[in-house]
Amino acid sequence: MKRLGSLSGGLFGSRLLTRDQKNLLYAMTLFFIATGISSVFVNTFLYVAGSDADSTHTLSGITLVVVYNLFFFASACVFSGVSGMLVRIVPGLRMCAGLILNAALYFLLLLYREEVLSVTWLLGILGGAGIACYNIAYNAAVNDLTDGRGRDCYVGFQYIVTAVLGLVAPLGAGLVLGTTDGVRGYQSIFTVSLLLFIAATVMAAKLPRSARMRNKRGFVRILARSVSNSAFASAAVAEMLHGMHSGVVTFLAPVLLMTIGAPIQMIGVYVLVCAALGLAGGFVIRHVLSAAKDFRRLMLAAVTAAVSPLFLLAGINSMSIFAVGILTSATFAFFIEPSCMIYHRVVGALSDGPRRAADGNAVRDFYLNLGRMAGAAVLLIVSKEMMHIVYALIALGILQLAAPVLYGYADKKALRIVAQKQQAV
């Protein structure tokens, strides 16, 4: 607690972070609040709108949600590449572009209200493009504005902010929706998100106009290497397989709670529980299982993700849906942490890899979103029958069992290349 207090005092007392770093942290905080209170509930709003529009088909709402997420992931995939190729543009400006696109999404939600079905595809495009542009630009901004101990300090603040808001924001939004009538509650949280995105854009616009472009970066070149290099290709396919399952579970589980008539507050509780378990899993993997093998962590997460949808076969109810969320969230960090380390070892083993970290991150986002798009496409095909959706989740869970094997192969090959380089030196 003493250390946390000193960190907080340093943040507001200008002892630890520079002015630019503070502006970046403020922009990130505003962005995280805006997405935290609304992103999950965009899906539930679309479900309600779709179900009300066609009362003769109870699953029309789910179809609408899947369409939105399909365009969302497709747009995120494309704009991951676009943002990666535009890496020479100042990160602050690209952050502004991403934030403005997110603001446009919520403006359209407020403008069209119940008539949102006609622009679902556009909402998905705006949301995916906004998230992709923001994420890649934000990571570049952190890289440009921090280094050494300053970066450690900034990342520490970032972790505290995201951990707290990830727990509180969705729960608070769920409580607001639960105490207001219908569309009015959604209008309230969407309006707040719109204003927060505008405020975040103002903060991002204050970031310096010049960036420390330390290295030339080539997204297209690294993307090409992800096809020609067998280790890199294995890691890329592993990311796709992971994205196919994790992306679908993330947006579908809250909507399944809506299909069984669960109160909207329960969705906030669901997100709170999943976020808390995700944090706990991250703590365990960093401080308790630090000596564990990467492959074992990856396989544990993959097996858990494959088993979790089986609970839905016993019946789609709050218990089975929470079971899916609890199992996948508790072991999510068991996949993310080691896969991230292996991926960067693979990129680092390339001839120019050490100078291509930023491009490597953009390529990883590209493949992850490509997998999420494929998962949403599979779900769209079967979205007319509830049990077919369950079977699709099970199939995607089984399919991603190959991800640890592919990452294991990629890691061995990358380590072998690194060892050969060291011997040559």
Protein backbone atom coordinates (compact mmCIF):
# COMPACT_ATOMS: atom_id res chain seq x y z
CA MET A 1 0.00 0.00 0.00
CA LYS A 2 2.87 2.36 0.79
CA ARG A 3 4.37 1.74 -2.64
CA LEU A 4 1.00 2.22 -4.34
CA GLY A 5 0.55 5.50 -2.46
CA SER A 6 3.97 6.71 -3.52
CA LEU A 7 3.18 5.82 -7.12
CA SER A 8 -0.09 7.71 -7.02
CA GLY A 9 1.58 10.68 -5.39
CA GLY A 10 4.26 10.58 -8.04
CA LEU A 11 1.68 10.61 -10.79
CA PHE A 12 -0.16 13.70 -9.55
CA GLY A 13 2.89 15.36 -8.04
CA SER A 14 4.90 15.28 -11.28
CA ARG A 15 7.76 13.35 -9.69
CA LEU A 16 7.70 10.21 -11.81
CA LEU A 17 5.98 10.94 -15.12
CA THR A 18 6.71 13.67 -17.63
CA ARG A 19 3.94 15.92 -18.94
CA ASP A 20 3.73 13.97 -22.21
CA GLN A 21 3.57 10.68 -20.35
CA LYS A 22 0.77 12.03 -18.18
CA ASN A 23 -1.20 13.18 -21.22
CA LEU A 24 -0.76 9.73 -22.73
CA LEU A 25 -1.90 8.07 -19.49
CA TYR A 26 -4.92 10.38 -19.25
CA ALA A 27 -5.90 9.61 -22.85
CA MET A 28 -5.56 5.89 -22.18
CA THR A 29 -7.64 6.16 -18.99
CA LEU A 30 -10.45 8.03 -20.74
CA PHE A 31 -10.37 5.51 -23.58
CA PHE A 32 -10.49 2.58 -21.18
CA ILE A 33 -13.44 4.01 -19.24
CA ALA A 34 -15.32 4.70 -22.48
CA THR A 35 -14.84 1.18 -23.83
CA GLY A 36 -15.29 -0.43 -20.42
CA ILE A 37 -18.75 0.96 -19.82
CA SER A 38 -20.11 0.44 -23.34
CA SER A 39 -18.28 -2.09 -25.52
CA VAL A 40 -19.98 -5.16 -24.03
CA PHE A 41 -23.37 -3.45 -24.02
CA VAL A 42 -23.18 -2.52 -27.71
CA ASN A 43 -23.68 -6.24 -28.34
CA THR A 44 -26.62 -6.51 -25.96
CA PHE A 45 -28.20 -3.38 -27.48
CA LEU A 46 -27.91 -4.87 -30.95
CA TYR A 47 -29.38 -8.14 -29.69
CA VAL A 48 -32.40 -6.33 -28.25
CA ALA A 49 -32.83 -4.25 -31.42
CA GLY A 50 -32.62 -7.31 -33.64
CA SER A 51 -35.00 -9.38 -31.52
CA ASP A 52 -37.57 -6.56 -31.32
CA ALA A 53 -37.40 -6.00 -35.08
CA ASP A 54 -38.30 -9.61 -35.85
CA SER A 55 -40.34 -11.17 -33.07
CA THR A 56 -40.99 -14.21 -35.25
CA HIS A 57 -37.36 -15.32 -34.98
CA THR A 58 -35.85 -15.36 -31.52
CA LEU A 59 -32.30 -15.72 -32.83
CA SER A 60 -32.38 -12.74 -35.18
CA GLY A 61 -30.76 -10.68 -32.42
CA ILE A 62 -27.81 -13.07 -32.21
CA THR A 63 -27.41 -12.93 -35.98
CA LEU A 64 -27.23 -9.14 -35.82
CA VAL A 65 -24.59 -9.30 -33.09
CA VAL A 66 -22.52 -11.76 -35.13
CA VAL A 67 -22.75 -9.54 -38.22
CA TYR A 68 -21.55 -6.55 -36.19
CA ASN A 69 -18.59 -8.49 -34.80
CA LEU A 70 -17.75 -9.98 -38.19
CA PHE A 71 -17.38 -6.49 -39.67
CA PHE A 72 -15.64 -5.34 -36.48
CA PHE A 73 -12.94 -8.02 -36.69
CA ALA A 74 -12.58 -7.67 -40.47
CA SER A 75 -12.08 -3.93 -40.10
CA ALA A 76 -9.65 -4.44 -37.21
CA CYS A 77 -7.69 -6.88 -39.36
CA VAL A 78 -7.44 -4.45 -42.28
CA PHE A 79 -6.65 -1.40 -40.17
CA SER A 80 -4.03 -3.29 -38.16
CA GLY A 81 -2.18 -3.47 -41.45
CA VAL A 82 -2.99 0.11 -42.44
CA SER A 83 -1.86 1.49 -39.08
CA GLY A 84 1.25 -0.67 -39.24
CA MET A 85 2.15 0.67 -42.69
CA LEU A 86 1.55 4.26 -41.52
CA VAL A 87 3.89 3.86 -38.58
CA ARG A 88 5.89 6.94 -39.64
CA ILE A 89 2.91 9.14 -38.88
CA VAL A 90 3.16 10.57 -35.37
CA PRO A 91 1.52 8.08 -32.92
CA GLY A 92 -0.49 10.86 -31.27
CA LEU A 93 -2.20 11.69 -34.57
CA ARG A 94 -3.00 8.05 -35.25
CA MET A 95 -4.39 7.75 -31.72
CA CYS A 96 -6.64 10.73 -32.46
CA ALA A 97 -7.85 9.01 -35.63
CA GLY A 98 -8.69 5.85 -33.69
CA LEU A 99 -10.49 7.78 -30.96
CA ILE A 100 -12.51 9.79 -33.49
CA LEU A 101 -13.60 6.56 -35.22
CA ASN A 102 -14.74 5.18 -31.87
CA ALA A 103 -16.62 8.40 -31.16
CA ALA A 104 -18.32 8.10 -34.56
CA LEU A 105 -19.54 4.61 -33.62
CA TYR A 106 -21.34 5.88 -30.52
CA PHE A 107 -22.64 8.94 -32.37
CA LEU A 108 -24.34 6.63 -34.87
CA LEU A 109 -25.75 4.49 -32.07
CA LEU A 110 -27.31 7.60 -30.53
CA LEU A 111 -28.47 8.91 -33.90
CA TYR A 112 -30.17 5.75 -35.17
CA ARG A 113 -31.32 4.30 -31.84
CA GLU A 114 -33.82 1.48 -32.56
CA GLU A 115 -33.22 1.80 -36.33
CA VAL A 116 -29.63 0.69 -35.90
CA LEU A 117 -30.14 -2.50 -37.95
CA SER A 118 -29.61 -0.58 -41.19
CA VAL A 119 -26.07 0.50 -40.21
CA THR A 120 -24.84 -2.55 -38.29
CA TRP A 121 -22.10 -3.16 -40.84
CA LEU A 122 -20.92 0.44 -40.59
CA LEU A 123 -20.85 0.27 -36.79
CA GLY A 124 -18.62 -2.78 -37.01
CA ILE A 125 -16.26 -1.11 -39.48
CA LEU A 126 -15.95 2.02 -37.35
CA GLY A 127 -15.42 0.06 -34.13
CA GLY A 128 -12.81 -2.30 -35.56
CA ALA A 129 -10.91 0.47 -37.34
CA GLY A 130 -10.96 2.65 -34.23
CA ILE A 131 -9.66 -0.05 -31.91
CA ALA A 132 -6.94 -1.19 -34.33
CA CYS A 133 -5.67 2.33 -35.03
CA TYR A 134 -5.73 3.26 -31.37
CA ASN A 135 -4.01 0.12 -30.06
CA ILE A 136 -1.11 0.15 -32.50
CA ALA A 137 -0.62 3.91 -32.20
CA TYR A 138 -0.82 3.76 -28.40
CA ASN A 139 1.86 1.05 -28.22
CA ALA A 140 4.07 3.12 -30.53
CA ALA A 141 3.49 6.20 -28.37
CA VAL A 142 4.51 4.32 -25.22
CA ASN A 143 7.64 3.18 -27.02
CA ASP A 144 8.47 6.70 -28.22
CA LEU A 145 7.71 8.60 -25.00
CA THR A 146 9.24 6.23 -22.45
CA ASP A 147 12.45 4.33 -21.91
CA GLY A 148 14.32 2.58 -19.12
CA ARG A 149 13.00 3.19 -15.61
CA GLY A 150 10.48 5.70 -16.93
CA ARG A 151 8.87 2.98 -19.02
CA ASP A 152 8.64 0.63 -16.04
CA CYS A 153 6.99 3.39 -14.04
CA TYR A 154 4.52 4.21 -16.79
CA VAL A 155 3.59 0.56 -17.36
CA GLY A 156 3.02 0.22 -13.61
CA PHE A 157 0.54 3.10 -13.66
CA GLN A 158 -1.09 1.65 -16.76
CA TYR A 159 -1.56 -1.72 -15.06
CA ILE A 160 -3.20 -0.13 -12.01
CA VAL A 161 -5.59 1.93 -14.13
CA THR A 162 -6.63 -0.92 -16.42
CA ALA A 163 -7.02 -3.37 -13.54
CA VAL A 164 -9.29 -1.09 -11.53
CA LEU A 165 -11.37 0.16 -14.45
CA GLY A 166 -11.67 -3.31 -15.95
CA LEU A 167 -13.44 -4.39 -12.76
CA VAL A 168 -15.52 -1.31 -12.03
CA ALA A 169 -16.63 0.14 -15.39
CA PRO A 170 -18.73 -2.76 -16.78
CA LEU A 171 -20.36 -3.41 -13.41
CA GLY A 172 -21.29 0.26 -13.03
CA ALA A 173 -22.73 0.36 -16.54
CA GLY A 174 -24.77 -2.77 -15.86
CA LEU A 175 -26.22 -1.21 -12.73
CA VAL A 176 -27.16 1.94 -14.67
CA LEU A 177 -28.89 -0.10 -17.35
CA GLY A 178 -30.69 -2.15 -14.72
CA THR A 179 -32.17 0.92 -13.04
CA THR A 180 -33.34 2.73 -16.21
CA ASP A 181 -35.98 1.88 -18.76
CA GLY A 182 -35.02 0.28 -22.05
CA VAL A 183 -33.34 2.46 -24.63
CA ARG A 184 -32.88 5.39 -22.23
CA GLY A 185 -30.27 3.49 -20.23
CA TYR A 186 -28.31 2.61 -23.36
CA GLN A 187 -28.48 6.24 -24.50
CA SER A 188 -27.03 7.32 -21.17
CA ILE A 189 -23.93 5.08 -21.27
CA PHE A 190 -23.40 5.64 -25.01
CA THR A 191 -23.53 9.40 -24.46
CA VAL A 192 -20.96 9.17 -21.66
CA SER A 193 -18.71 7.05 -23.89
CA LEU A 194 -19.01 9.55 -26.74
CA LEU A 195 -18.01 12.44 -24.46
CA LEU A 196 -15.10 10.42 -23.03
CA PHE A 197 -13.78 9.60 -26.49
CA ILE A 198 -13.91 13.30 -27.39
CA ALA A 199 -12.00 14.16 -24.19
CA ALA A 200 -9.45 11.43 -24.92
CA THR A 201 -8.96 12.87 -28.42
CA VAL A 202 -8.18 16.26 -26.88
CA MET A 203 -5.56 14.68 -24.61
CA ALA A 204 -4.02 12.67 -27.45
CA ALA A 205 -3.80 15.84 -29.56
CA LYS A 206 -1.50 17.32 -26.88
CA LEU A 207 1.14 14.64 -27.46
CA PRO A 208 4.33 15.87 -29.14
CA ARG A 209 4.27 16.27 -32.90
CA SER A 210 7.68 14.68 -33.34
CA ALA A 211 8.43 11.10 -32.42
CA ARG A 212 11.74 9.36 -31.87
CA MET A 213 11.62 7.12 -34.94
CA ARG A 214 14.64 5.06 -33.90
CA ASN A 215 14.43 2.54 -36.71
CA LYS A 216 12.98 2.16 -40.15
CA ARG A 217 10.00 -0.12 -39.94
CA GLY A 218 8.38 -2.20 -42.65
CA PHE A 219 5.03 -3.85 -41.88
CA VAL A 220 4.72 -5.35 -45.36
CA ARG A 221 8.19 -6.85 -45.16
CA ILE A 222 7.50 -8.51 -41.80
CA LEU A 223 4.11 -9.72 -43.03
CA ALA A 224 5.85 -11.36 -45.98
CA ARG A 225 8.33 -13.03 -43.61
CA SER A 226 5.39 -14.47 -41.66
CA VAL A 227 4.60 -16.50 -44.79
CA SER A 228 8.08 -17.45 -45.97
CA ASN A 229 9.60 -18.28 -42.55
CA SER A 230 8.29 -21.59 -41.18
CA ALA A 231 8.67 -20.68 -37.51
CA PHE A 232 6.99 -17.32 -38.03
CA ALA A 233 4.23 -18.94 -40.11
CA SER A 234 3.56 -21.45 -37.31
CA ALA A 235 3.27 -18.65 -34.75
CA ALA A 236 0.95 -16.69 -37.06
CA VAL A 237 -1.37 -19.67 -37.54
CA ALA A 238 -1.36 -20.27 -33.78
CA GLU A 239 -2.50 -16.68 -33.23
CA MET A 240 -5.29 -17.18 -35.76
CA LEU A 241 -6.52 -20.36 -34.08
CA HIS A 242 -6.48 -18.68 -30.69
CA GLY A 243 -8.35 -15.67 -32.06
CA MET A 244 -11.04 -17.85 -33.65
CA HIS A 245 -12.10 -19.19 -30.26
CA SER A 246 -11.33 -16.36 -27.83
CA GLY A 247 -12.91 -13.68 -30.01
CA VAL A 248 -16.21 -15.55 -30.31
CA VAL A 249 -16.44 -16.39 -26.60
CA THR A 250 -15.75 -12.78 -25.61
CA PHE A 251 -18.72 -11.27 -27.45
CA LEU A 252 -21.10 -14.25 -27.41
CA ALA A 253 -21.26 -15.18 -23.72
CA PRO A 254 -22.89 -11.91 -22.54
CA VAL A 255 -25.43 -12.16 -25.36
CA LEU A 256 -26.29 -15.74 -24.36
CA LEU A 257 -27.19 -14.37 -20.93
CA MET A 258 -29.67 -12.09 -22.68
CA THR A 259 -31.24 -15.01 -24.54
CA ILE A 260 -32.17 -16.72 -21.27
CA GLY A 261 -33.74 -13.57 -19.87
CA ALA A 262 -31.00 -12.75 -17.36
CA PRO A 263 -31.16 -9.22 -15.91
CA ILE A 264 -28.76 -6.76 -17.51
CA GLN A 265 -26.96 -6.34 -14.17
CA MET A 266 -25.86 -9.97 -14.43
CA ILE A 267 -23.85 -9.12 -17.53
CA GLY A 268 -21.94 -6.50 -15.53
CA VAL A 269 -21.32 -9.12 -12.84
CA TYR A 270 -20.18 -11.61 -15.50
CA VAL A 271 -17.64 -9.15 -16.91
CA LEU A 272 -16.47 -8.28 -13.37
CA VAL A 273 -15.92 -11.95 -12.50
CA CYS A 274 -14.08 -12.65 -15.75
CA ALA A 275 -11.86 -9.57 -15.36
CA ALA A 276 -11.01 -10.47 -11.75
CA LEU A 277 -10.12 -14.04 -12.71
CA GLY A 278 -8.02 -12.74 -15.59
CA LEU A 279 -6.03 -10.58 -13.19
CA ALA A 280 -5.66 -13.48 -10.77
CA GLY A 281 -4.45 -15.73 -13.57
CA GLY A 282 -1.90 -13.14 -14.61
CA PHE A 283 -0.62 -12.88 -11.03
CA VAL A 284 -0.31 -16.66 -10.72
CA ILE A 285 1.59 -17.07 -13.96
CA ARG A 286 4.01 -14.23 -13.13
CA HIS A 287 4.69 -14.97 -9.47
CA VAL A 288 3.73 -18.58 -8.78
CA LEU A 289 4.41 -20.54 -11.96
CA SER A 290 7.39 -18.56 -13.19
CA ALA A 291 9.45 -21.72 -13.55
CA ALA A 292 6.81 -23.59 -15.54
CA LYS A 293 7.44 -24.47 -19.16
CA ASP A 294 5.78 -22.30 -21.78
CA PHE A 295 4.31 -25.31 -23.57
CA ARG A 296 2.60 -26.56 -20.41
CA ARG A 297 1.00 -23.18 -19.80
CA LEU A 298 -0.18 -22.96 -23.38
CA MET A 299 -1.61 -26.47 -23.36
CA LEU A 300 -3.39 -25.91 -20.04
CA ALA A 301 -5.09 -22.80 -21.43
CA ALA A 302 -5.98 -24.52 -24.70
CA VAL A 303 -7.43 -27.62 -23.03
CA THR A 304 -9.46 -25.48 -20.63
CA ALA A 305 -10.81 -23.41 -23.52
CA ALA A 306 -11.72 -26.59 -25.41
CA VAL A 307 -13.52 -28.13 -22.42
CA SER A 308 -15.45 -25.05 -21.30
CA PRO A 309 -18.15 -25.04 -24.07
CA LEU A 310 -19.09 -28.61 -23.12
CA PHE A 311 -20.97 -27.18 -20.13
CA LEU A 312 -23.46 -25.68 -22.59
CA LEU A 313 -24.47 -29.16 -23.73
CA ALA A 314 -26.12 -29.70 -20.35
CA GLY A 315 -28.31 -26.65 -20.98
CA ILE A 316 -27.86 -22.98 -21.77
CA ASN A 317 -28.38 -21.28 -18.43
CA SER A 318 -26.56 -18.79 -16.24
CA MET A 319 -24.50 -21.51 -14.54
CA SER A 320 -23.19 -23.02 -17.77
CA ILE A 321 -22.50 -19.59 -19.33
CA PHE A 322 -20.62 -18.43 -16.24
CA ALA A 323 -18.68 -21.72 -16.28
CA VAL A 324 -17.49 -20.96 -19.82
CA GLY A 325 -16.43 -17.45 -18.84
CA ILE A 326 -14.76 -18.52 -15.59
CA LEU A 327 -12.67 -21.29 -17.16
CA THR A 328 -11.52 -19.28 -20.16
CA SER A 329 -10.79 -16.12 -18.14
CA ALA A 330 -8.92 -17.88 -15.34
CA THR A 331 -6.45 -19.42 -17.80
CA PHE A 332 -6.40 -16.64 -20.42
CA ALA A 333 -3.10 -15.28 -19.13
CA PHE A 334 -1.69 -18.82 -19.30
CA PHE A 335 -1.89 -18.49 -23.08
CA ILE A 336 -1.19 -14.78 -23.56
CA GLU A 337 1.97 -14.52 -21.44
CA PRO A 338 3.97 -17.43 -22.92
CA SER A 339 2.65 -16.94 -26.46
CA CYS A 340 3.76 -13.30 -26.35
CA MET A 341 7.26 -14.29 -25.22
CA ILE A 342 7.54 -17.02 -27.86
CA TYR A 343 6.22 -14.72 -30.58
CA HIS A 344 8.80 -12.06 -29.82
CA ARG A 345 11.55 -14.69 -29.74
CA VAL A 346 10.44 -15.80 -33.20
CA VAL A 347 10.45 -12.24 -34.54
CA GLY A 348 13.75 -11.54 -32.81
CA ALA A 349 15.30 -14.57 -34.51
CA LEU A 350 14.73 -13.03 -37.94
CA SER A 351 17.73 -11.44 -39.59
CA ASP A 352 16.36 -7.95 -38.96
CA GLY A 353 13.98 -8.96 -36.17
CA PRO A 354 15.46 -6.91 -33.32
CA ARG A 355 14.73 -3.74 -35.34
CA ARG A 356 11.21 -4.84 -36.26
CA ALA A 357 9.46 -5.20 -32.90
CA ALA A 358 6.79 -2.58 -33.69
CA ASP A 359 6.03 -4.16 -37.05
CA GLY A 360 5.95 -7.59 -35.43
CA ASN A 361 3.29 -6.41 -32.98
CA ALA A 362 1.17 -5.03 -35.82
CA VAL A 363 1.47 -8.32 -37.72
CA ARG A 364 0.42 -10.22 -34.61
CA ASP A 365 -2.68 -8.04 -34.28
CA PHE A 366 -3.38 -8.66 -37.97
CA TYR A 367 -3.38 -12.46 -37.59
CA LEU A 368 -5.26 -12.39 -34.29
CA ASN A 369 -8.05 -10.33 -35.84
CA LEU A 370 -8.01 -12.50 -38.94
CA GLY A 371 -8.71 -15.48 -36.70
CA ARG A 372 -11.45 -13.62 -34.85
CA MET A 373 -13.05 -12.72 -38.18
CA ALA A 374 -12.97 -16.38 -39.25
CA GLY A 375 -14.58 -17.43 -35.95
CA ALA A 376 -17.36 -14.86 -36.38
CA ALA A 377 -17.90 -16.06 -39.97
CA VAL A 378 -18.34 -19.64 -38.74
CA LEU A 379 -20.82 -18.45 -36.14
CA LEU A 380 -22.76 -16.46 -38.73
CA ILE A 381 -23.29 -19.61 -40.79
CA VAL A 382 -24.85 -21.48 -37.84
CA SER A 383 -26.48 -18.57 -35.99
CA LYS A 384 -30.04 -19.63 -36.86
CA GLU A 385 -30.00 -22.59 -34.45
CA MET A 386 -28.92 -22.31 -30.81
CA MET A 387 -27.45 -25.80 -30.53
CA HIS A 388 -25.53 -25.27 -33.75
CA ILE A 389 -23.91 -22.27 -32.06
CA VAL A 390 -22.91 -24.51 -29.15
CA TYR A 391 -21.46 -27.11 -31.53
CA ALA A 392 -19.52 -24.37 -33.34
CA LEU A 393 -18.02 -23.18 -30.03
CA ILE A 394 -16.95 -26.74 -29.23
CA ALA A 395 -15.41 -27.16 -32.69
CA LEU A 396 -13.49 -23.89 -32.41
CA GLY A 397 -12.28 -24.94 -28.96
CA ILE A 398 -11.00 -28.25 -30.30
CA LEU A 399 -9.37 -26.55 -33.28
CA GLN A 400 -7.33 -24.16 -31.11
CA LEU A 401 -5.71 -27.15 -29.37
CA ALA A 402 -3.25 -27.05 -32.25
CA ALA A 403 -2.03 -23.58 -31.19
CA PRO A 404 0.32 -24.80 -28.39
CA VAL A 405 1.84 -27.38 -30.74
CA LEU A 406 2.49 -24.76 -33.40
CA TYR A 407 3.95 -22.35 -30.88
CA GLY A 408 6.13 -25.13 -29.46
CA TYR A 409 7.53 -25.82 -32.92
CA ALA A 410 8.09 -22.12 -33.58
CA ASP A 411 9.87 -21.65 -30.26
CA LYS A 412 12.25 -24.57 -30.78
CA LYS A 413 13.19 -23.35 -34.22
CA ALA A 414 13.69 -19.76 -33.03
CA LEU A 415 15.87 -20.87 -30.12
CA ARG A 416 17.95 -22.98 -32.50
CA ILE A 417 18.51 -19.98 -34.79
CA VAL A 418 19.48 -17.76 -31.85
CA ALA A 419 21.95 -20.39 -30.61
CA GLN A 420 23.52 -20.63 -34.08
CA LYS A 421 23.92 -16.83 -34.18
CA GLN A 422 25.61 -16.84 -30.80
CA GLN A 423 28.02 -19.59 -31.87
CA ALA A 424 28.85 -17.69 -35.04
CA VAL A 425 29.75 -14.64 -32.95
